[in-house]
Amino acid sequence: MKQFVIRLLNMLLGLFLYALGIALTISAGIGYGPWEVFHAGIAKRTGLSIGVASIAVGVIIIIIVTLFKERFSVEELQKLGLNERQIKAVLHVKEKGKITNSDYQTINSVAKPTATRDLSELTEIYRILKNTGYGAGSIYELAT
């Protein structure tokens, strides 16, 4: 928690200094950077201040990035603590739409008990996959 607060304060200080630099550049009449031109155009068209336009654009960009963020990237899967075999399996499901225990064994060159244990973890602990069958007919797909 302490590390999070320190990082948050550092980010806020950085944003403040960046905004101060933009404000000083604009007030000195030196000119606008590319994003400031965009924000100034929005401000002129809408009647908002450049600061409010900048914040609005920032919020819109954050929303878009959040909505279209790649789900289950290798980095995200590693952060969750998945092993390399499980990461391969999730990427396989992303590409092919499903995986079976037999597929898992082939992809990772492991025995059936290892495949079963890893797939169980992906469904029951991490809840990344869902099991749509039973026994030998089990098919694992991405959980929604």
N, C-alpha and C. Protein backbone atom coordinates (compact mmCIF):
# COMPACT_ATOMS: atom_id res chain seq x y z
N MET A 1 0.83 -1.19 0.00
CA MET A 1 0.00 0.00 0.00
C MET A 1 0.87 1.25 0.00
N LYS A 2 1.94 1.22 0.81
CA LYS A 2 2.84 2.37 0.90
C LYS A 2 3.47 2.64 -0.47
N GLN A 3 3.88 1.58 -1.15
CA GLN A 3 4.49 1.72 -2.48
C GLN A 3 3.50 2.35 -3.45
N PHE A 4 2.24 1.96 -3.37
CA PHE A 4 1.20 2.53 -4.24
C PHE A 4 1.03 4.03 -3.99
N VAL A 5 1.01 4.43 -2.73
CA VAL A 5 0.84 5.85 -2.39
C VAL A 5 2.02 6.66 -2.90
N ILE A 6 3.23 6.13 -2.75
CA ILE A 6 4.42 6.83 -3.24
C ILE A 6 4.37 6.98 -4.76
N ARG A 7 3.99 5.92 -5.45
CA ARG A 7 3.89 5.99 -6.92
C ARG A 7 2.80 6.97 -7.35
N LEU A 8 1.68 6.98 -6.63
CA LEU A 8 0.59 7.90 -6.95
C LEU A 8 1.04 9.35 -6.76
N LEU A 9 1.72 9.62 -5.66
CA LEU A 9 2.20 10.98 -5.42
C LEU A 9 3.23 11.41 -6.46
N ASN A 10 4.11 10.50 -6.84
CA ASN A 10 5.08 10.80 -7.90
C ASN A 10 4.38 11.11 -9.22
N MET A 11 3.36 10.33 -9.54
CA MET A 11 2.62 10.57 -10.78
C MET A 11 1.93 11.93 -10.73
N LEU A 12 1.29 12.25 -9.61
CA LEU A 12 0.60 13.53 -9.50
C LEU A 12 1.57 14.70 -9.58
N LEU A 13 2.73 14.57 -8.97
CA LEU A 13 3.75 15.61 -9.07
C LEU A 13 4.19 15.78 -10.52
N GLY A 14 4.41 14.67 -11.19
CA GLY A 14 4.81 14.73 -12.60
C GLY A 14 3.75 15.39 -13.47
N LEU A 15 2.50 15.03 -13.24
CA LEU A 15 1.40 15.64 -14.01
C LEU A 15 1.29 17.14 -13.73
N PHE A 16 1.49 17.52 -12.47
CA PHE A 16 1.44 18.94 -12.12
C PHE A 16 2.54 19.71 -12.83
N LEU A 17 3.76 19.17 -12.81
CA LEU A 17 4.88 19.84 -13.47
C LEU A 17 4.68 19.91 -14.98
N TYR A 18 4.13 18.85 -15.56
CA TYR A 18 3.84 18.84 -17.00
C TYR A 18 2.80 19.91 -17.33
N ALA A 19 1.73 19.98 -16.54
CA ALA A 19 0.69 20.99 -16.76
C ALA A 19 1.23 22.39 -16.57
N LEU A 20 2.09 22.57 -15.59
CA LEU A 20 2.70 23.88 -15.36
C LEU A 20 3.55 24.30 -16.56
N GLY A 21 4.29 23.36 -17.11
CA GLY A 21 5.09 23.63 -18.30
C GLY A 21 4.24 24.04 -19.48
N ILE A 22 3.14 23.36 -19.67
CA ILE A 22 2.22 23.71 -20.77
C ILE A 22 1.64 25.10 -20.55
N ALA A 23 1.20 25.38 -19.32
CA ALA A 23 0.60 26.68 -19.01
C ALA A 23 1.62 27.81 -19.22
N LEU A 24 2.84 27.60 -18.79
CA LEU A 24 3.87 28.63 -18.97
C LEU A 24 4.20 28.83 -20.46
N THR A 25 4.25 27.76 -21.21
CA THR A 25 4.53 27.86 -22.65
C THR A 25 3.43 28.63 -23.35
N ILE A 26 2.18 28.33 -23.03
CA ILE A 26 1.04 29.02 -23.65
C ILE A 26 1.03 30.49 -23.25
N SER A 27 1.20 30.77 -21.96
CA SER A 27 1.13 32.18 -21.50
C SER A 27 2.31 33.01 -22.00
N ALA A 28 3.45 32.37 -22.29
CA ALA A 28 4.60 33.09 -22.82
C ALA A 28 4.46 33.38 -24.30
N GLY A 29 3.46 32.77 -24.95
CA GLY A 29 3.25 33.01 -26.37
C GLY A 29 4.26 32.29 -27.25
N ILE A 30 4.92 31.28 -26.72
CA ILE A 30 5.92 30.53 -27.48
C ILE A 30 5.25 29.65 -28.53
N GLY A 31 4.07 29.19 -28.25
CA GLY A 31 3.35 28.33 -29.18
C GLY A 31 2.83 27.10 -28.48
N TYR A 32 2.12 26.29 -29.23
CA TYR A 32 1.50 25.09 -28.69
C TYR A 32 2.21 23.85 -29.21
N GLY A 33 2.20 22.82 -28.37
CA GLY A 33 2.62 21.51 -28.83
C GLY A 33 1.45 20.86 -29.56
N PRO A 34 1.67 19.70 -30.19
CA PRO A 34 0.60 19.06 -30.98
C PRO A 34 -0.68 18.80 -30.19
N TRP A 35 -0.56 18.26 -28.98
CA TRP A 35 -1.76 17.98 -28.19
C TRP A 35 -2.42 19.26 -27.72
N GLU A 36 -1.63 20.29 -27.42
CA GLU A 36 -2.21 21.55 -26.99
C GLU A 36 -2.99 22.21 -28.12
N VAL A 37 -2.50 22.05 -29.37
CA VAL A 37 -3.25 22.56 -30.53
C VAL A 37 -4.61 21.87 -30.59
N PHE A 38 -4.59 20.56 -30.40
CA PHE A 38 -5.84 19.79 -30.41
C PHE A 38 -6.77 20.26 -29.30
N HIS A 39 -6.23 20.41 -28.09
CA HIS A 39 -7.04 20.87 -26.95
C HIS A 39 -7.55 22.28 -27.17
N ALA A 40 -6.70 23.15 -27.73
CA ALA A 40 -7.11 24.53 -28.00
C ALA A 40 -8.23 24.56 -29.04
N GLY A 41 -8.15 23.70 -30.04
CA GLY A 41 -9.21 23.62 -31.04
C GLY A 41 -10.53 23.17 -30.44
N ILE A 42 -10.46 22.17 -29.59
CA ILE A 42 -11.68 21.71 -28.91
C ILE A 42 -12.23 22.82 -28.02
N ALA A 43 -11.33 23.51 -27.31
CA ALA A 43 -11.75 24.59 -26.42
C ALA A 43 -12.45 25.70 -27.22
N LYS A 44 -11.90 26.04 -28.36
CA LYS A 44 -12.47 27.11 -29.18
C LYS A 44 -13.84 26.71 -29.71
N ARG A 45 -13.98 25.46 -30.12
CA ARG A 45 -15.25 24.98 -30.70
C ARG A 45 -16.35 24.81 -29.64
N THR A 46 -15.95 24.42 -28.43
CA THR A 46 -16.95 24.09 -27.41
C THR A 46 -17.15 25.19 -26.37
N GLY A 47 -16.23 26.13 -26.30
CA GLY A 47 -16.33 27.17 -25.29
C GLY A 47 -15.72 26.77 -23.95
N LEU A 48 -15.12 25.60 -23.89
CA LEU A 48 -14.43 25.16 -22.68
C LEU A 48 -13.06 25.81 -22.59
N SER A 49 -12.46 25.76 -21.41
CA SER A 49 -11.08 26.22 -21.30
C SER A 49 -10.16 25.13 -21.84
N ILE A 50 -8.92 25.49 -22.14
CA ILE A 50 -7.96 24.49 -22.65
C ILE A 50 -7.75 23.40 -21.60
N GLY A 51 -7.70 23.79 -20.33
CA GLY A 51 -7.51 22.81 -19.26
C GLY A 51 -8.63 21.79 -19.18
N VAL A 52 -9.87 22.26 -19.26
CA VAL A 52 -11.03 21.35 -19.21
C VAL A 52 -11.05 20.46 -20.45
N ALA A 53 -10.73 21.04 -21.62
CA ALA A 53 -10.68 20.25 -22.85
C ALA A 53 -9.60 19.17 -22.74
N SER A 54 -8.46 19.53 -22.15
CA SER A 54 -7.37 18.58 -21.98
C SER A 54 -7.79 17.43 -21.06
N ILE A 55 -8.45 17.76 -19.97
CA ILE A 55 -8.93 16.73 -19.04
C ILE A 55 -9.96 15.83 -19.71
N ALA A 56 -10.88 16.42 -20.46
CA ALA A 56 -11.92 15.64 -21.14
C ALA A 56 -11.30 14.67 -22.15
N VAL A 57 -10.34 15.15 -22.92
CA VAL A 57 -9.66 14.28 -23.89
C VAL A 57 -8.93 13.16 -23.16
N GLY A 58 -8.27 13.49 -22.05
CA GLY A 58 -7.57 12.47 -21.26
C GLY A 58 -8.51 11.40 -20.75
N VAL A 59 -9.66 11.80 -20.25
CA VAL A 59 -10.64 10.84 -19.74
C VAL A 59 -11.15 9.94 -20.87
N ILE A 60 -11.43 10.54 -22.01
CA ILE A 60 -11.90 9.75 -23.17
C ILE A 60 -10.84 8.73 -23.59
N ILE A 61 -9.58 9.15 -23.63
CA ILE A 61 -8.50 8.24 -24.02
C ILE A 61 -8.37 7.11 -23.01
N ILE A 62 -8.46 7.41 -21.73
CA ILE A 62 -8.37 6.37 -20.70
C ILE A 62 -9.52 5.36 -20.86
N ILE A 63 -10.71 5.84 -21.13
CA ILE A 63 -11.87 4.95 -21.32
C ILE A 63 -11.65 4.05 -22.53
N ILE A 64 -11.18 4.62 -23.63
CA ILE A 64 -10.95 3.82 -24.84
C ILE A 64 -9.89 2.77 -24.60
N VAL A 65 -8.78 3.15 -23.97
CA VAL A 65 -7.71 2.19 -23.70
C VAL A 65 -8.20 1.08 -22.78
N THR A 66 -8.98 1.43 -21.78
CA THR A 66 -9.51 0.43 -20.85
C THR A 66 -10.45 -0.54 -21.55
N LEU A 67 -11.30 -0.01 -22.41
CA LEU A 67 -12.26 -0.88 -23.10
C LEU A 67 -11.61 -1.81 -24.11
N PHE A 68 -10.57 -1.33 -24.78
CA PHE A 68 -9.96 -2.12 -25.84
C PHE A 68 -8.62 -2.72 -25.47
N LYS A 69 -8.32 -2.75 -24.17
CA LYS A 69 -7.07 -3.33 -23.69
C LYS A 69 -7.07 -4.81 -24.02
N GLU A 70 -5.92 -5.30 -24.45
CA GLU A 70 -5.82 -6.72 -24.77
C GLU A 70 -5.99 -7.53 -23.50
N ARG A 71 -6.97 -8.38 -23.56
CA ARG A 71 -7.24 -9.23 -22.41
C ARG A 71 -6.34 -10.46 -22.48
N PHE A 72 -5.80 -10.84 -21.36
CA PHE A 72 -4.95 -12.02 -21.25
C PHE A 72 -3.67 -11.91 -22.08
N SER A 73 -2.99 -10.79 -22.00
CA SER A 73 -1.67 -10.68 -22.62
C SER A 73 -0.69 -11.51 -21.80
N VAL A 74 0.46 -11.81 -22.38
CA VAL A 74 1.46 -12.61 -21.68
C VAL A 74 1.85 -11.92 -20.36
N GLU A 75 2.00 -10.60 -20.42
CA GLU A 75 2.39 -9.86 -19.22
C GLU A 75 1.33 -9.98 -18.12
N GLU A 76 0.06 -9.85 -18.51
CA GLU A 76 -1.03 -9.96 -17.53
C GLU A 76 -1.08 -11.36 -16.94
N LEU A 77 -0.88 -12.37 -17.76
CA LEU A 77 -0.92 -13.74 -17.28
C LEU A 77 0.25 -14.03 -16.33
N GLN A 78 1.42 -13.47 -16.64
CA GLN A 78 2.57 -13.64 -15.76
C GLN A 78 2.32 -12.96 -14.41
N LYS A 79 1.68 -11.79 -14.44
CA LYS A 79 1.37 -11.08 -13.19
C LYS A 79 0.43 -11.91 -12.31
N LEU A 80 -0.45 -12.68 -12.95
CA LEU A 80 -1.37 -13.53 -12.18
C LEU A 80 -0.66 -14.71 -11.53
N GLY A 81 0.53 -15.04 -12.02
CA GLY A 81 1.29 -16.15 -11.45
C GLY A 81 1.14 -17.45 -12.21
N LEU A 82 0.65 -17.40 -13.44
CA LEU A 82 0.52 -18.62 -14.24
C LEU A 82 1.90 -19.12 -14.64
N ASN A 83 2.03 -20.45 -14.74
CA ASN A 83 3.29 -20.99 -15.23
C ASN A 83 3.31 -20.94 -16.76
N GLU A 84 4.46 -21.22 -17.35
CA GLU A 84 4.62 -21.10 -18.81
C GLU A 84 3.66 -22.02 -19.56
N ARG A 85 3.41 -23.21 -19.03
CA ARG A 85 2.48 -24.13 -19.69
C ARG A 85 1.07 -23.54 -19.73
N GLN A 86 0.65 -22.97 -18.61
CA GLN A 86 -0.68 -22.39 -18.54
C GLN A 86 -0.81 -21.18 -19.46
N ILE A 87 0.25 -20.39 -19.55
CA ILE A 87 0.23 -19.24 -20.46
C ILE A 87 0.08 -19.72 -21.89
N LYS A 88 0.83 -20.76 -22.27
CA LYS A 88 0.70 -21.33 -23.61
C LYS A 88 -0.73 -21.78 -23.87
N ALA A 89 -1.34 -22.39 -22.87
CA ALA A 89 -2.71 -22.89 -23.02
C ALA A 89 -3.70 -21.75 -23.23
N VAL A 90 -3.57 -20.68 -22.44
CA VAL A 90 -4.49 -19.55 -22.58
C VAL A 90 -4.32 -18.90 -23.95
N LEU A 91 -3.08 -18.75 -24.40
CA LEU A 91 -2.84 -18.18 -25.73
C LEU A 91 -3.41 -19.08 -26.83
N HIS A 92 -3.32 -20.39 -26.62
CA HIS A 92 -3.91 -21.35 -27.56
C HIS A 92 -5.43 -21.17 -27.63
N VAL A 93 -6.05 -21.02 -26.47
CA VAL A 93 -7.51 -20.85 -26.43
C VAL A 93 -7.90 -19.52 -27.09
N LYS A 94 -7.10 -18.48 -26.87
CA LYS A 94 -7.38 -17.20 -27.51
C LYS A 94 -7.35 -17.34 -29.04
N GLU A 95 -6.41 -18.13 -29.54
CA GLU A 95 -6.25 -18.30 -30.98
C GLU A 95 -7.26 -19.28 -31.57
N LYS A 96 -7.44 -20.42 -30.93
CA LYS A 96 -8.27 -21.50 -31.48
C LYS A 96 -9.69 -21.52 -30.93
N GLY A 97 -9.93 -20.88 -29.78
CA GLY A 97 -11.26 -20.87 -29.21
C GLY A 97 -11.52 -21.94 -28.17
N LYS A 98 -10.66 -22.95 -28.11
CA LYS A 98 -10.86 -24.04 -27.14
C LYS A 98 -9.57 -24.82 -26.98
N ILE A 99 -9.55 -25.64 -25.94
CA ILE A 99 -8.44 -26.56 -25.73
C ILE A 99 -8.99 -27.77 -24.97
N THR A 100 -8.43 -28.93 -25.26
CA THR A 100 -8.78 -30.14 -24.53
C THR A 100 -7.58 -30.57 -23.70
N ASN A 101 -7.79 -31.54 -22.84
CA ASN A 101 -6.69 -32.07 -22.05
C ASN A 101 -5.62 -32.66 -22.97
N SER A 102 -6.06 -33.34 -24.00
CA SER A 102 -5.14 -33.93 -24.97
C SER A 102 -4.33 -32.85 -25.70
N ASP A 103 -5.01 -31.75 -26.09
CA ASP A 103 -4.30 -30.63 -26.73
C ASP A 103 -3.23 -30.08 -25.78
N TYR A 104 -3.62 -29.92 -24.50
CA TYR A 104 -2.70 -29.38 -23.50
C TYR A 104 -1.46 -30.26 -23.38
N GLN A 105 -1.69 -31.58 -23.34
CA GLN A 105 -0.57 -32.52 -23.23
C GLN A 105 0.37 -32.39 -24.42
N THR A 106 -0.20 -32.25 -25.62
CA THR A 106 0.60 -32.15 -26.84
C THR A 106 1.38 -30.83 -26.89
N ILE A 107 0.69 -29.74 -26.61
CA ILE A 107 1.32 -28.42 -26.69
C ILE A 107 2.49 -28.29 -25.71
N ASN A 108 2.31 -28.84 -24.51
CA ASN A 108 3.30 -28.66 -23.46
C ASN A 108 4.19 -29.88 -23.19
N SER A 109 3.96 -30.97 -23.91
CA SER A 109 4.73 -32.21 -23.73
C SER A 109 4.73 -32.65 -22.26
N VAL A 110 3.51 -32.78 -21.72
CA VAL A 110 3.36 -33.20 -20.33
C VAL A 110 2.43 -34.42 -20.25
N ALA A 111 2.45 -35.06 -19.11
CA ALA A 111 1.58 -36.21 -18.86
C ALA A 111 0.17 -35.72 -18.51
N LYS A 112 -0.77 -36.65 -18.59
CA LYS A 112 -2.18 -36.32 -18.33
C LYS A 112 -2.41 -35.73 -16.94
N PRO A 113 -1.80 -36.28 -15.86
CA PRO A 113 -2.05 -35.69 -14.54
C PRO A 113 -1.61 -34.22 -14.45
N THR A 114 -0.50 -33.87 -15.08
CA THR A 114 -0.02 -32.48 -15.07
C THR A 114 -0.99 -31.59 -15.83
N ALA A 115 -1.45 -32.07 -16.99
CA ALA A 115 -2.40 -31.29 -17.79
C ALA A 115 -3.70 -31.09 -17.01
N THR A 116 -4.17 -32.13 -16.38
CA THR A 116 -5.41 -32.04 -15.62
C THR A 116 -5.27 -31.05 -14.46
N ARG A 117 -4.16 -31.12 -13.74
CA ARG A 117 -3.93 -30.21 -12.63
C ARG A 117 -3.85 -28.75 -13.11
N ASP A 118 -3.09 -28.52 -14.17
CA ASP A 118 -2.94 -27.14 -14.69
C ASP A 118 -4.27 -26.59 -15.20
N LEU A 119 -5.03 -27.40 -15.90
CA LEU A 119 -6.33 -26.95 -16.41
C LEU A 119 -7.31 -26.71 -15.27
N SER A 120 -7.23 -27.54 -14.24
CA SER A 120 -8.09 -27.33 -13.06
C SER A 120 -7.77 -25.99 -12.41
N GLU A 121 -6.49 -25.66 -12.31
CA GLU A 121 -6.11 -24.36 -11.73
C GLU A 121 -6.64 -23.21 -12.59
N LEU A 122 -6.55 -23.35 -13.90
CA LEU A 122 -7.03 -22.30 -14.79
C LEU A 122 -8.54 -22.09 -14.69
N THR A 123 -9.26 -23.16 -14.34
CA THR A 123 -10.72 -23.02 -14.22
C THR A 123 -11.16 -22.68 -12.81
N GLU A 124 -10.58 -23.33 -11.81
CA GLU A 124 -11.08 -23.18 -10.44
C GLU A 124 -10.40 -22.07 -9.64
N ILE A 125 -9.10 -21.89 -9.82
CA ILE A 125 -8.37 -20.88 -9.05
C ILE A 125 -8.34 -19.54 -9.78
N TYR A 126 -7.87 -19.57 -11.02
CA TYR A 126 -7.71 -18.32 -11.78
C TYR A 126 -9.00 -17.89 -12.48
N ARG A 127 -9.88 -18.85 -12.74
CA ARG A 127 -11.15 -18.59 -13.41
C ARG A 127 -10.99 -17.91 -14.77
N ILE A 128 -9.94 -18.32 -15.48
CA ILE A 128 -9.68 -17.80 -16.83
C ILE A 128 -10.40 -18.66 -17.86
N LEU A 129 -10.43 -19.96 -17.61
CA LEU A 129 -11.11 -20.90 -18.51
C LEU A 129 -12.35 -21.46 -17.83
N LYS A 130 -13.28 -21.93 -18.67
CA LYS A 130 -14.44 -22.65 -18.15
C LYS A 130 -14.49 -24.00 -18.84
N ASN A 131 -14.92 -24.99 -18.10
CA ASN A 131 -15.00 -26.36 -18.61
C ASN A 131 -16.42 -26.58 -19.13
N THR A 132 -16.53 -26.89 -20.43
CA THR A 132 -17.86 -27.06 -21.02
C THR A 132 -18.24 -28.52 -21.26
N GLY A 133 -17.47 -29.41 -20.69
CA GLY A 133 -17.79 -30.83 -20.84
C GLY A 133 -17.51 -31.58 -19.55
N TYR A 134 -17.49 -32.91 -19.66
CA TYR A 134 -17.24 -33.72 -18.48
C TYR A 134 -16.38 -34.91 -18.88
N GLY A 135 -15.39 -35.23 -18.05
CA GLY A 135 -14.54 -36.39 -18.30
C GLY A 135 -13.72 -36.24 -19.56
N ALA A 136 -13.68 -37.31 -20.35
CA ALA A 136 -12.86 -37.32 -21.57
C ALA A 136 -13.34 -36.30 -22.59
N GLY A 137 -14.59 -35.88 -22.49
CA GLY A 137 -15.14 -34.91 -23.45
C GLY A 137 -14.99 -33.46 -23.01
N SER A 138 -14.18 -33.21 -22.00
CA SER A 138 -14.03 -31.84 -21.49
C SER A 138 -13.38 -30.93 -22.53
N ILE A 139 -14.00 -29.80 -22.71
CA ILE A 139 -13.47 -28.76 -23.59
C ILE A 139 -13.38 -27.50 -22.76
N TYR A 140 -12.25 -26.84 -22.84
CA TYR A 140 -12.03 -25.63 -22.06
C TYR A 140 -12.05 -24.43 -22.99
N GLU A 141 -12.84 -23.42 -22.59
CA GLU A 141 -12.96 -22.18 -23.35
C GLU A 141 -12.69 -21.02 -22.41
N LEU A 142 -12.48 -19.83 -22.99
CA LEU A 142 -12.28 -18.65 -22.15
C LEU A 142 -13.55 -18.35 -21.37
N ALA A 143 -13.39 -18.06 -20.10
CA ALA A 143 -14.52 -17.65 -19.27
C ALA A 143 -14.82 -16.18 -19.61
N THR A 144 -16.08 -15.85 -19.63
CA THR A 144 -16.42 -14.45 -19.98
C THR A 144 -16.71 -13.63 -18.77
